[in-house]
């Protein structure tokens, strides 16, 4: 098993290796601990759309802001509709989605910026968090990849935007694939596998699922995104993958599937602070 890239700290897990790439990049994901929400959202629920008490939820977001030293006015959140739309954001977008779901950037599952002191945030409870970083160009990005976003290749589309729209060399892009539901806990049907076959070649798709019963398959969404990133040209030693399964770790993570839909959300975060 490869080294786990996420290092647990106070209510968060930090991508430790990226701090050595750039001492002012802050990237990671929250755990479910350290907040004030009541069951079944206990305790560090950060999802605005799960019918938790709003006062508790905002308090949790302020707790996170204090931990990572990022005031809520610097946060930017997308609506997250399980799509593949990616938007470049700037300081004029700061605060969108930080306190109200209605102000989040509509129809967006991927965000990136080349500006400092902006924190890109996305919510998860089994889907795959994707983090992007260009060391020389100081560009950061985040994407939310459930199975729909994965088969739509949101990972590859982020790489395409950076290389074509931002003139970033593929050799300068680092990607981290965060904690999500693992192959051990994620069973899908032919509908999902057929769509994966449309975005992965025969060699790649063999690495992402196993047949477990007639018409049922255990799917490794993290590996699927790894294959898409590899096919997009990202250097293999620039891709890190978390070993954590959100469903297998109830003390650390919320899980939509494990908790049968009634659960909280973690937030992924990435920001590049002033030197």
C-alpha atoms as a PDB file:
ATOM      1  CA  UNK A   1       0.000   0.000   0.000  1.00  0.00           C
ATOM      2  CA  UNK A   2       1.312   3.426  -0.935  1.00  0.00           C
ATOM      3  CA  UNK A   3       1.941   6.055   1.718  1.00  0.00           C
ATOM      4  CA  UNK A   4      -1.221   7.834   2.849  1.00  0.00           C
ATOM      5  CA  UNK A   5      -1.005  11.472   1.669  1.00  0.00           C
ATOM      6  CA  UNK A   6      -3.510  12.825   4.219  1.00  0.00           C
ATOM      7  CA  UNK A   7      -2.140  13.577   7.667  1.00  0.00           C
ATOM      8  CA  UNK A   8      -4.737  13.875  10.487  1.00  0.00           C
ATOM      9  CA  UNK A   9      -4.678  17.118  12.447  1.00  0.00           C
ATOM     10  CA  UNK A  10      -7.268  19.000  14.497  1.00  0.00           C
ATOM     11  CA  UNK A  11     -10.621  18.056  12.837  1.00  0.00           C
ATOM     12  CA  UNK A  12      -8.931  18.034   9.413  1.00  0.00           C
ATOM     13  CA  UNK A  13      -6.641  15.896   7.283  1.00  0.00           C
ATOM     14  CA  UNK A  14      -3.923  17.822   5.451  1.00  0.00           C
ATOM     15  CA  UNK A  15      -2.137  16.867   2.217  1.00  0.00           C
ATOM     16  CA  UNK A  16       1.219  16.919   3.931  1.00  0.00           C
ATOM     17  CA  UNK A  17       3.370  16.411   0.839  1.00  0.00           C
ATOM     18  CA  UNK A  18       1.991  19.551  -0.804  1.00  0.00           C
ATOM     19  CA  UNK A  19       3.252  21.749   2.021  1.00  0.00           C
ATOM     20  CA  UNK A  20       6.747  20.723   0.940  1.00  0.00           C
ATOM     21  CA  UNK A  21       5.913  21.659  -2.662  1.00  0.00           C
ATOM     22  CA  UNK A  22       4.877  25.146  -1.546  1.00  0.00           C
ATOM     23  CA  UNK A  23       4.907  26.283   2.063  1.00  0.00           C
ATOM     24  CA  UNK A  24       1.838  28.505   1.576  1.00  0.00           C
ATOM     25  CA  UNK A  25      -0.525  25.961   0.025  1.00  0.00           C
ATOM     26  CA  UNK A  26      -3.177  24.643   2.423  1.00  0.00           C
ATOM     27  CA  UNK A  27      -5.122  21.637   1.171  1.00  0.00           C
ATOM     28  CA  UNK A  28      -7.069  18.818   2.789  1.00  0.00           C
ATOM     29  CA  UNK A  29     -10.433  17.553   3.957  1.00  0.00           C
ATOM     30  CA  UNK A  30     -12.354  17.744   7.190  1.00  0.00           C
ATOM     31  CA  UNK A  31     -13.276  14.806   9.399  1.00  0.00           C
ATOM     32  CA  UNK A  32     -16.622  14.407  11.121  1.00  0.00           C
ATOM     33  CA  UNK A  33     -15.173  15.342  14.540  1.00  0.00           C
ATOM     34  CA  UNK A  34     -14.798  18.650  16.327  1.00  0.00           C
ATOM     35  CA  UNK A  35     -18.105  20.339  15.556  1.00  0.00           C
ATOM     36  CA  UNK A  36     -21.387  21.078  17.314  1.00  0.00           C
ATOM     37  CA  UNK A  37     -24.043  19.402  15.128  1.00  0.00           C
ATOM     38  CA  UNK A  38     -26.433  16.889  16.691  1.00  0.00           C
ATOM     39  CA  UNK A  39     -27.262  13.386  15.456  1.00  0.00           C
ATOM     40  CA  UNK A  40     -27.360  12.224  12.713  1.00  0.00           C
ATOM     41  CA  UNK A  41     -25.092  15.055  11.559  1.00  0.00           C
ATOM     42  CA  UNK A  42     -22.730  14.782  14.504  1.00  0.00           C
ATOM     43  CA  UNK A  43     -20.589  16.581  14.842  1.00  0.00           C
ATOM     44  CA  UNK A  44     -18.622  18.506  12.186  1.00  0.00           C
ATOM     45  CA  UNK A  45     -21.289  18.639   9.488  1.00  0.00           C
ATOM     46  CA  UNK A  46     -20.382  21.277   6.898  1.00  0.00           C
ATOM     47  CA  UNK A  47     -23.026  20.619   4.219  1.00  0.00           C
ATOM     48  CA  UNK A  48     -25.578  23.398   3.760  1.00  0.00           C
ATOM     49  CA  UNK A  49     -28.089  21.140   1.994  1.00  0.00           C
ATOM     50  CA  UNK A  50     -28.676  18.334   4.527  1.00  0.00           C
ATOM     51  CA  UNK A  51     -31.327  19.960   6.790  1.00  0.00           C
ATOM     52  CA  UNK A  52     -29.015  20.361   9.759  1.00  0.00           C
ATOM     53  CA  UNK A  53     -29.625  23.241  12.163  1.00  0.00           C
ATOM     54  CA  UNK A  54     -28.268  26.279  10.310  1.00  0.00           C
ATOM     55  CA  UNK A  55     -26.793  27.925  13.398  1.00  0.00           C
ATOM     56  CA  UNK A  56     -24.847  24.742  14.211  1.00  0.00           C
ATOM     57  CA  UNK A  57     -23.695  24.415  10.632  1.00  0.00           C
ATOM     58  CA  UNK A  58     -22.427  27.991  10.399  1.00  0.00           C
ATOM     59  CA  UNK A  59     -20.675  27.551  13.722  1.00  0.00           C
ATOM     60  CA  UNK A  60     -18.963  24.445  12.320  1.00  0.00           C
ATOM     61  CA  UNK A  61     -17.840  26.393   9.260  1.00  0.00           C
ATOM     62  CA  UNK A  62     -16.385  29.099  11.479  1.00  0.00           C
ATOM     63  CA  UNK A  63     -14.551  26.419  13.489  1.00  0.00           C
ATOM     64  CA  UNK A  64     -13.022  25.123  10.254  1.00  0.00           C
ATOM     65  CA  UNK A  65     -12.144  28.650   9.195  1.00  0.00           C
ATOM     66  CA  UNK A  66     -10.268  29.161  12.446  1.00  0.00           C
ATOM     67  CA  UNK A  67      -8.389  25.865  12.078  1.00  0.00           C
ATOM     68  CA  UNK A  68      -7.139  26.545   8.548  1.00  0.00           C
ATOM     69  CA  UNK A  69      -6.951  30.327   9.078  1.00  0.00           C
ATOM     70  CA  UNK A  70      -9.413  31.085   6.287  1.00  0.00           C
ATOM     71  CA  UNK A  71     -12.292  33.435   7.066  1.00  0.00           C
ATOM     72  CA  UNK A  72     -15.633  32.464   5.526  1.00  0.00           C
ATOM     73  CA  UNK A  73     -15.571  35.599   3.369  1.00  0.00           C
ATOM     74  CA  UNK A  74     -12.615  34.024   1.476  1.00  0.00           C
ATOM     75  CA  UNK A  75     -14.458  30.768   0.677  1.00  0.00           C
ATOM     76  CA  UNK A  76     -15.929  29.922  -2.713  1.00  0.00           C
ATOM     77  CA  UNK A  77     -18.302  26.970  -3.190  1.00  0.00           C
ATOM     78  CA  UNK A  78     -19.975  25.475  -6.241  1.00  0.00           C
ATOM     79  CA  UNK A  79     -23.524  24.148  -6.318  1.00  0.00           C
ATOM     80  CA  UNK A  80     -22.356  20.566  -7.075  1.00  0.00           C
ATOM     81  CA  UNK A  81     -24.866  18.891  -9.366  1.00  0.00           C
ATOM     82  CA  UNK A  82     -22.756  15.790 -10.196  1.00  0.00           C
ATOM     83  CA  UNK A  83     -21.748  17.349 -13.495  1.00  0.00           C
ATOM     84  CA  UNK A  84     -18.523  18.353 -15.224  1.00  0.00           C
ATOM     85  CA  UNK A  85     -18.719  22.146 -15.370  1.00  0.00           C
ATOM     86  CA  UNK A  86     -15.533  23.895 -14.232  1.00  0.00           C
ATOM     87  CA  UNK A  87     -15.247  27.624 -13.527  1.00  0.00           C
ATOM     88  CA  UNK A  88     -12.261  29.884 -12.975  1.00  0.00           C
ATOM     89  CA  UNK A  89     -12.943  32.137  -9.995  1.00  0.00           C
ATOM     90  CA  UNK A  90     -11.450  35.369  -8.694  1.00  0.00           C
ATOM     91  CA  UNK A  91     -11.672  37.547  -5.611  1.00  0.00           C
ATOM     92  CA  UNK A  92     -14.986  38.958  -6.828  1.00  0.00           C
ATOM     93  CA  UNK A  93     -16.476  35.495  -6.217  1.00  0.00           C
ATOM     94  CA  UNK A  94     -15.303  35.266  -2.603  1.00  0.00           C
ATOM     95  CA  UNK A  95     -18.029  34.379  -0.126  1.00  0.00           C
ATOM     96  CA  UNK A  96     -20.239  32.598  -2.651  1.00  0.00           C
ATOM     97  CA  UNK A  97     -21.781  29.546  -1.004  1.00  0.00           C
ATOM     98  CA  UNK A  98     -20.021  30.144   2.308  1.00  0.00           C
ATOM     99  CA  UNK A  99     -23.147  30.914   4.345  1.00  0.00           C
ATOM    100  CA  UNK A 100     -26.050  30.081   2.019  1.00  0.00           C
ATOM    101  CA  UNK A 101     -26.513  27.349  -0.571  1.00  0.00           C
ATOM    102  CA  UNK A 102     -28.418  29.820  -2.739  1.00  0.00           C
ATOM    103  CA  UNK A 103     -25.300  31.924  -3.296  1.00  0.00           C
ATOM    104  CA  UNK A 104     -23.085  29.032  -4.443  1.00  0.00           C
ATOM    105  CA  UNK A 105     -21.908  29.169  -8.063  1.00  0.00           C
ATOM    106  CA  UNK A 106     -24.681  27.468 -10.024  1.00  0.00           C
ATOM    107  CA  UNK A 107     -24.224  24.215 -11.898  1.00  0.00           C
ATOM    108  CA  UNK A 108     -20.554  23.874 -10.980  1.00  0.00           C
ATOM    109  CA  UNK A 109     -18.571  20.884  -9.677  1.00  0.00           C
ATOM    110  CA  UNK A 110     -15.069  22.182 -10.374  1.00  0.00           C
ATOM    111  CA  UNK A 111     -13.351  25.418  -9.339  1.00  0.00           C
ATOM    112  CA  UNK A 112      -9.895  26.835  -9.926  1.00  0.00           C
ATOM    113  CA  UNK A 113      -8.059  30.122  -9.440  1.00  0.00           C
ATOM    114  CA  UNK A 114      -4.671  31.759  -9.897  1.00  0.00           C
ATOM    115  CA  UNK A 115      -5.291  34.306  -7.140  1.00  0.00           C
ATOM    116  CA  UNK A 116      -3.980  34.215  -3.585  1.00  0.00           C
ATOM    117  CA  UNK A 117      -5.987  34.074  -0.352  1.00  0.00           C
ATOM    118  CA  UNK A 118      -9.003  32.375  -1.922  1.00  0.00           C
ATOM    119  CA  UNK A 119     -10.200  29.067  -0.496  1.00  0.00           C
ATOM    120  CA  UNK A 120     -11.961  26.653  -2.835  1.00  0.00           C
ATOM    121  CA  UNK A 121     -14.362  24.346  -0.998  1.00  0.00           C
ATOM    122  CA  UNK A 122     -16.485  21.324  -1.946  1.00  0.00           C
ATOM    123  CA  UNK A 123     -18.730  18.966   0.057  1.00  0.00           C
ATOM    124  CA  UNK A 124     -18.534  15.159   0.182  1.00  0.00           C
ATOM    125  CA  UNK A 125     -19.974  12.069   1.822  1.00  0.00           C
ATOM    126  CA  UNK A 126     -18.550   9.285  -0.424  1.00  0.00           C
ATOM    127  CA  UNK A 127     -17.788  11.047  -3.733  1.00  0.00           C
ATOM    128  CA  UNK A 128     -14.178  11.609  -4.765  1.00  0.00           C
ATOM    129  CA  UNK A 129     -12.406  14.863  -3.837  1.00  0.00           C
ATOM    130  CA  UNK A 130      -9.886  15.911  -6.477  1.00  0.00           C
ATOM    131  CA  UNK A 131      -7.204  18.505  -5.731  1.00  0.00           C
ATOM    132  CA  UNK A 132      -5.056  20.222  -8.365  1.00  0.00           C
ATOM    133  CA  UNK A 133      -1.927  22.345  -7.961  1.00  0.00           C
ATOM    134  CA  UNK A 134       0.566  23.988 -10.314  1.00  0.00           C
ATOM    135  CA  UNK A 135       3.718  24.804  -8.413  1.00  0.00           C
ATOM    136  CA  UNK A 136       5.290  27.218 -10.903  1.00  0.00           C
ATOM    137  CA  UNK A 137       2.091  28.974 -12.008  1.00  0.00           C
ATOM    138  CA  UNK A 138       0.535  29.061  -8.503  1.00  0.00           C
ATOM    139  CA  UNK A 139      -2.811  27.769  -9.720  1.00  0.00           C
ATOM    140  CA  UNK A 140      -5.064  25.672  -7.463  1.00  0.00           C
ATOM    141  CA  UNK A 141      -8.231  23.722  -8.161  1.00  0.00           C
ATOM    142  CA  UNK A 142     -10.773  21.380  -6.667  1.00  0.00           C
ATOM    143  CA  UNK A 143     -13.357  19.055  -8.216  1.00  0.00           C
ATOM    144  CA  UNK A 144     -16.205  16.878  -6.942  1.00  0.00           C
ATOM    145  CA  UNK A 145     -16.351  13.520  -8.720  1.00  0.00           C
ATOM    146  CA  UNK A 146     -19.155  11.105  -8.006  1.00  0.00           C
ATOM    147  CA  UNK A 147     -19.651   8.372 -10.570  1.00  0.00           C
ATOM    148  CA  UNK A 148     -21.429  10.808 -12.900  1.00  0.00           C
ATOM    149  CA  UNK A 149     -18.652  13.372 -12.671  1.00  0.00           C
ATOM    150  CA  UNK A 150     -16.110  10.597 -13.114  1.00  0.00           C
ATOM    151  CA  UNK A 151     -17.647   9.199 -16.317  1.00  0.00           C
ATOM    152  CA  UNK A 152     -17.976  12.801 -17.559  1.00  0.00           C
ATOM    153  CA  UNK A 153     -14.202  13.038 -16.967  1.00  0.00           C
ATOM    154  CA  UNK A 154     -14.202  16.151 -14.801  1.00  0.00           C
ATOM    155  CA  UNK A 155     -10.639  15.201 -13.803  1.00  0.00           C
ATOM    156  CA  UNK A 156      -9.380  15.223 -17.386  1.00  0.00           C
ATOM    157  CA  UNK A 157     -11.351  18.367 -18.205  1.00  0.00           C
ATOM    158  CA  UNK A 158      -9.625  20.259 -15.400  1.00  0.00           C
ATOM    159  CA  UNK A 159      -6.255  19.199 -16.822  1.00  0.00           C
ATOM    160  CA  UNK A 160      -7.392  20.242 -20.305  1.00  0.00           C
ATOM    161  CA  UNK A 161      -8.423  23.696 -19.079  1.00  0.00           C
ATOM    162  CA  UNK A 162      -5.127  24.241 -17.314  1.00  0.00           C
ATOM    163  CA  UNK A 163      -2.969  23.170 -20.236  1.00  0.00           C
ATOM    164  CA  UNK A 164      -4.989  24.950 -22.949  1.00  0.00           C
ATOM    165  CA  UNK A 165      -6.564  27.978 -21.248  1.00  0.00           C
ATOM    166  CA  UNK A 166      -3.837  28.698 -18.680  1.00  0.00           C
ATOM    167  CA  UNK A 167      -0.800  27.477 -20.674  1.00  0.00           C
ATOM    168  CA  UNK A 168       0.348  25.293 -17.776  1.00  0.00           C
ATOM    169  CA  UNK A 169       2.750  22.514 -18.669  1.00  0.00           C
ATOM    170  CA  UNK A 170       1.389  19.047 -17.945  1.00  0.00           C
ATOM    171  CA  UNK A 171       4.674  18.314 -16.159  1.00  0.00           C
ATOM    172  CA  UNK A 172       3.858  21.065 -13.651  1.00  0.00           C
ATOM    173  CA  UNK A 173       0.466  19.718 -12.541  1.00  0.00           C
ATOM    174  CA  UNK A 174       0.113  17.825  -9.263  1.00  0.00           C
ATOM    175  CA  UNK A 175      -3.110  16.020  -8.345  1.00  0.00           C
ATOM    176  CA  UNK A 176      -4.304  14.387  -5.152  1.00  0.00           C
ATOM    177  CA  UNK A 177      -7.276  12.019  -4.975  1.00  0.00           C
ATOM    178  CA  UNK A 178      -8.872  12.249  -1.550  1.00  0.00           C
ATOM    179  CA  UNK A 179     -10.822   9.939   0.774  1.00  0.00           C
ATOM    180  CA  UNK A 180     -13.992   8.508  -0.771  1.00  0.00           C
ATOM    181  CA  UNK A 181     -16.043   5.337  -0.757  1.00  0.00           C
ATOM    182  CA  UNK A 182     -13.739   2.453  -1.612  1.00  0.00           C
ATOM    183  CA  UNK A 183     -14.034  -0.503  -3.912  1.00  0.00           C
ATOM    184  CA  UNK A 184     -14.710  -2.551  -0.785  1.00  0.00           C
ATOM    185  CA  UNK A 185     -18.025  -0.751  -0.192  1.00  0.00           C
ATOM    186  CA  UNK A 186     -19.258   0.514  -3.557  1.00  0.00           C
ATOM    187  CA  UNK A 187     -21.446  -1.808  -5.636  1.00  0.00           C
ATOM    188  CA  UNK A 188     -22.822  -0.603  -8.971  1.00  0.00           C
ATOM    189  CA  UNK A 189     -24.762  -2.092 -11.884  1.00  0.00           C
ATOM    190  CA  UNK A 190     -24.285  -2.417 -15.639  1.00  0.00           C
ATOM    191  CA  UNK A 191     -25.545   1.125 -16.240  1.00  0.00           C
ATOM    192  CA  UNK A 192     -22.525   2.635 -14.482  1.00  0.00           C
ATOM    193  CA  UNK A 193     -20.014   0.171 -15.941  1.00  0.00           C
ATOM    194  CA  UNK A 194     -21.295   0.784 -19.470  1.00  0.00           C
ATOM    195  CA  UNK A 195     -20.745   4.529 -19.050  1.00  0.00           C
ATOM    196  CA  UNK A 196     -17.255   3.959 -17.647  1.00  0.00           C
ATOM    197  CA  UNK A 197     -16.489   1.984 -20.794  1.00  0.00           C
ATOM    198  CA  UNK A 198     -17.206   5.140 -22.795  1.00  0.00           C
ATOM    199  CA  UNK A 199     -14.529   7.177 -21.023  1.00  0.00           C
ATOM    200  CA  UNK A 200     -11.828   4.562 -20.331  1.00  0.00           C
ATOM    201  CA  UNK A 201      -9.988   2.314 -22.734  1.00  0.00           C
ATOM    202  CA  UNK A 202     -10.055  -1.474 -22.328  1.00  0.00           C
ATOM    203  CA  UNK A 203      -6.752  -1.577 -20.466  1.00  0.00           C
ATOM    204  CA  UNK A 204      -7.736   1.153 -18.017  1.00  0.00           C
ATOM    205  CA  UNK A 205     -11.225  -0.098 -17.254  1.00  0.00           C
ATOM    206  CA  UNK A 206      -9.911  -3.508 -16.209  1.00  0.00           C
ATOM    207  CA  UNK A 207      -8.193  -1.791 -13.277  1.00  0.00           C
ATOM    208  CA  UNK A 208     -11.285  -0.141 -11.818  1.00  0.00           C
ATOM    209  CA  UNK A 209     -13.902  -2.822 -11.109  1.00  0.00           C
ATOM    210  CA  UNK A 210     -14.509  -6.487 -10.284  1.00  0.00           C
ATOM    211  CA  UNK A 211     -17.621  -8.531 -10.964  1.00  0.00           C
ATOM    212  CA  UNK A 212     -19.224  -9.669  -7.692  1.00  0.00           C
ATOM    213  CA  UNK A 213     -22.544 -11.079  -8.937  1.00  0.00           C
ATOM    214  CA  UNK A 214     -24.665 -11.175 -12.060  1.00  0.00           C
ATOM    215  CA  UNK A 215     -24.882  -7.554 -13.169  1.00  0.00           C
ATOM    216  CA  UNK A 216     -23.203  -6.252  -9.997  1.00  0.00           C
ATOM    217  CA  UNK A 217     -19.689  -4.848  -9.705  1.00  0.00           C
ATOM    218  CA  UNK A 218     -17.430  -3.426  -7.017  1.00  0.00           C
ATOM    219  CA  UNK A 219     -16.152  -0.125  -8.377  1.00  0.00           C
ATOM    220  CA  UNK A 220     -12.999   1.769  -7.401  1.00  0.00           C
ATOM    221  CA  UNK A 221     -13.882   5.406  -8.139  1.00  0.00           C
ATOM    222  CA  UNK A 222     -10.498   6.619  -6.953  1.00  0.00           C
ATOM    223  CA  UNK A 223      -8.732   4.298  -9.381  1.00  0.00           C
ATOM    224  CA  UNK A 224     -11.083   5.367 -12.189  1.00  0.00           C
ATOM    225  CA  UNK A 225     -10.049   8.977 -11.641  1.00  0.00           C
ATOM    226  CA  UNK A 226      -6.400   7.923 -11.456  1.00  0.00           C
ATOM    227  CA  UNK A 227      -6.748   6.248 -14.864  1.00  0.00           C
ATOM    228  CA  UNK A 228      -8.410   9.358 -16.330  1.00  0.00           C
ATOM    229  CA  UNK A 229      -5.634  11.585 -14.983  1.00  0.00           C
ATOM    230  CA  UNK A 230      -2.984   9.227 -16.313  1.00  0.00           C
ATOM    231  CA  UNK A 231      -4.674   9.217 -19.719  1.00  0.00           C
ATOM    232  CA  UNK A 232      -4.742  13.038 -19.601  1.00  0.00           C
ATOM    233  CA  UNK A 233      -0.956  12.989 -19.332  1.00  0.00           C
ATOM    234  CA  UNK A 234      -0.375  13.801 -15.664  1.00  0.00           C
ATOM    235  CA  UNK A 235       2.927  12.322 -14.517  1.00  0.00           C
ATOM    236  CA  UNK A 236       2.353   9.222 -12.399  1.00  0.00           C
ATOM    237  CA  UNK A 237       4.604  10.439  -9.605  1.00  0.00           C
ATOM    238  CA  UNK A 238       2.552  13.655  -9.492  1.00  0.00           C
ATOM    239  CA  UNK A 239      -0.654  11.781  -8.582  1.00  0.00           C
ATOM    240  CA  UNK A 240      -1.286  10.808  -4.964  1.00  0.00           C
ATOM    241  CA  UNK A 241      -4.216   8.663  -3.860  1.00  0.00           C
ATOM    242  CA  UNK A 242      -5.705   8.377  -0.382  1.00  0.00           C
ATOM    243  CA  UNK A 243      -6.084   4.903   1.095  1.00  0.00           C
ATOM    244  CA  UNK A 244      -9.102   5.917   3.202  1.00  0.00           C
ATOM    245  CA  UNK A 245     -12.574   4.555   2.489  1.00  0.00           C
ATOM    246  CA  UNK A 246     -15.242   6.901   3.862  1.00  0.00           C
ATOM    247  CA  UNK A 247     -17.699   4.044   4.385  1.00  0.00           C
ATOM    248  CA  UNK A 248     -15.220   1.912   6.340  1.00  0.00           C
ATOM    249  CA  UNK A 249     -14.276   4.681   8.776  1.00  0.00           C
ATOM    250  CA  UNK A 250     -17.392   5.841  10.658  1.00  0.00           C
ATOM    251  CA  UNK A 251     -15.341   7.571  13.346  1.00  0.00           C
ATOM    252  CA  UNK A 252     -13.615   9.761  10.761  1.00  0.00           C
ATOM    253  CA  UNK A 253     -16.025  10.332   7.897  1.00  0.00           C
ATOM    254  CA  UNK A 254     -19.654  10.797   6.943  1.00  0.00           C
ATOM    255  CA  UNK A 255     -20.858   8.277   4.366  1.00  0.00           C
ATOM    256  CA  UNK A 256     -24.047   8.643   2.351  1.00  0.00           C
ATOM    257  CA  UNK A 257     -24.231   4.947   1.560  1.00  0.00           C
ATOM    258  CA  UNK A 258     -23.281   3.619   4.978  1.00  0.00           C
ATOM    259  CA  UNK A 259     -25.651   6.014   6.758  1.00  0.00           C
ATOM    260  CA  UNK A 260     -28.480   5.452   4.252  1.00  0.00           C
ATOM    261  CA  UNK A 261     -28.615   9.035   3.081  1.00  0.00           C
ATOM    262  CA  UNK A 262     -29.142  10.758   6.429  1.00  0.00           C
ATOM    263  CA  UNK A 263     -25.729  12.093   7.310  1.00  0.00           C
ATOM    264  CA  UNK A 264     -23.484  15.150   7.241  1.00  0.00           C
ATOM    265  CA  UNK A 265     -20.841  16.284   4.781  1.00  0.00           C
ATOM    266  CA  UNK A 266     -17.104  16.832   4.918  1.00  0.00           C
ATOM    267  CA  UNK A 267     -15.516  19.750   3.070  1.00  0.00           C
ATOM    268  CA  UNK A 268     -12.426  19.590   0.937  1.00  0.00           C
ATOM    269  CA  UNK A 269     -10.429  22.812   0.888  1.00  0.00           C
ATOM    270  CA  UNK A 270      -7.500  24.295  -0.943  1.00  0.00           C
ATOM    271  CA  UNK A 271      -6.001  27.755  -0.777  1.00  0.00           C
ATOM    272  CA  UNK A 272      -2.733  29.495  -1.551  1.00  0.00           C
ATOM    273  CA  UNK A 273      -1.876  32.181   0.972  1.00  0.00           C
ATOM    274  CA  UNK A 274       0.389  35.190   0.602  1.00  0.00           C
ATOM    275  CA  UNK A 275       4.063  34.520   1.178  1.00  0.00           C
END
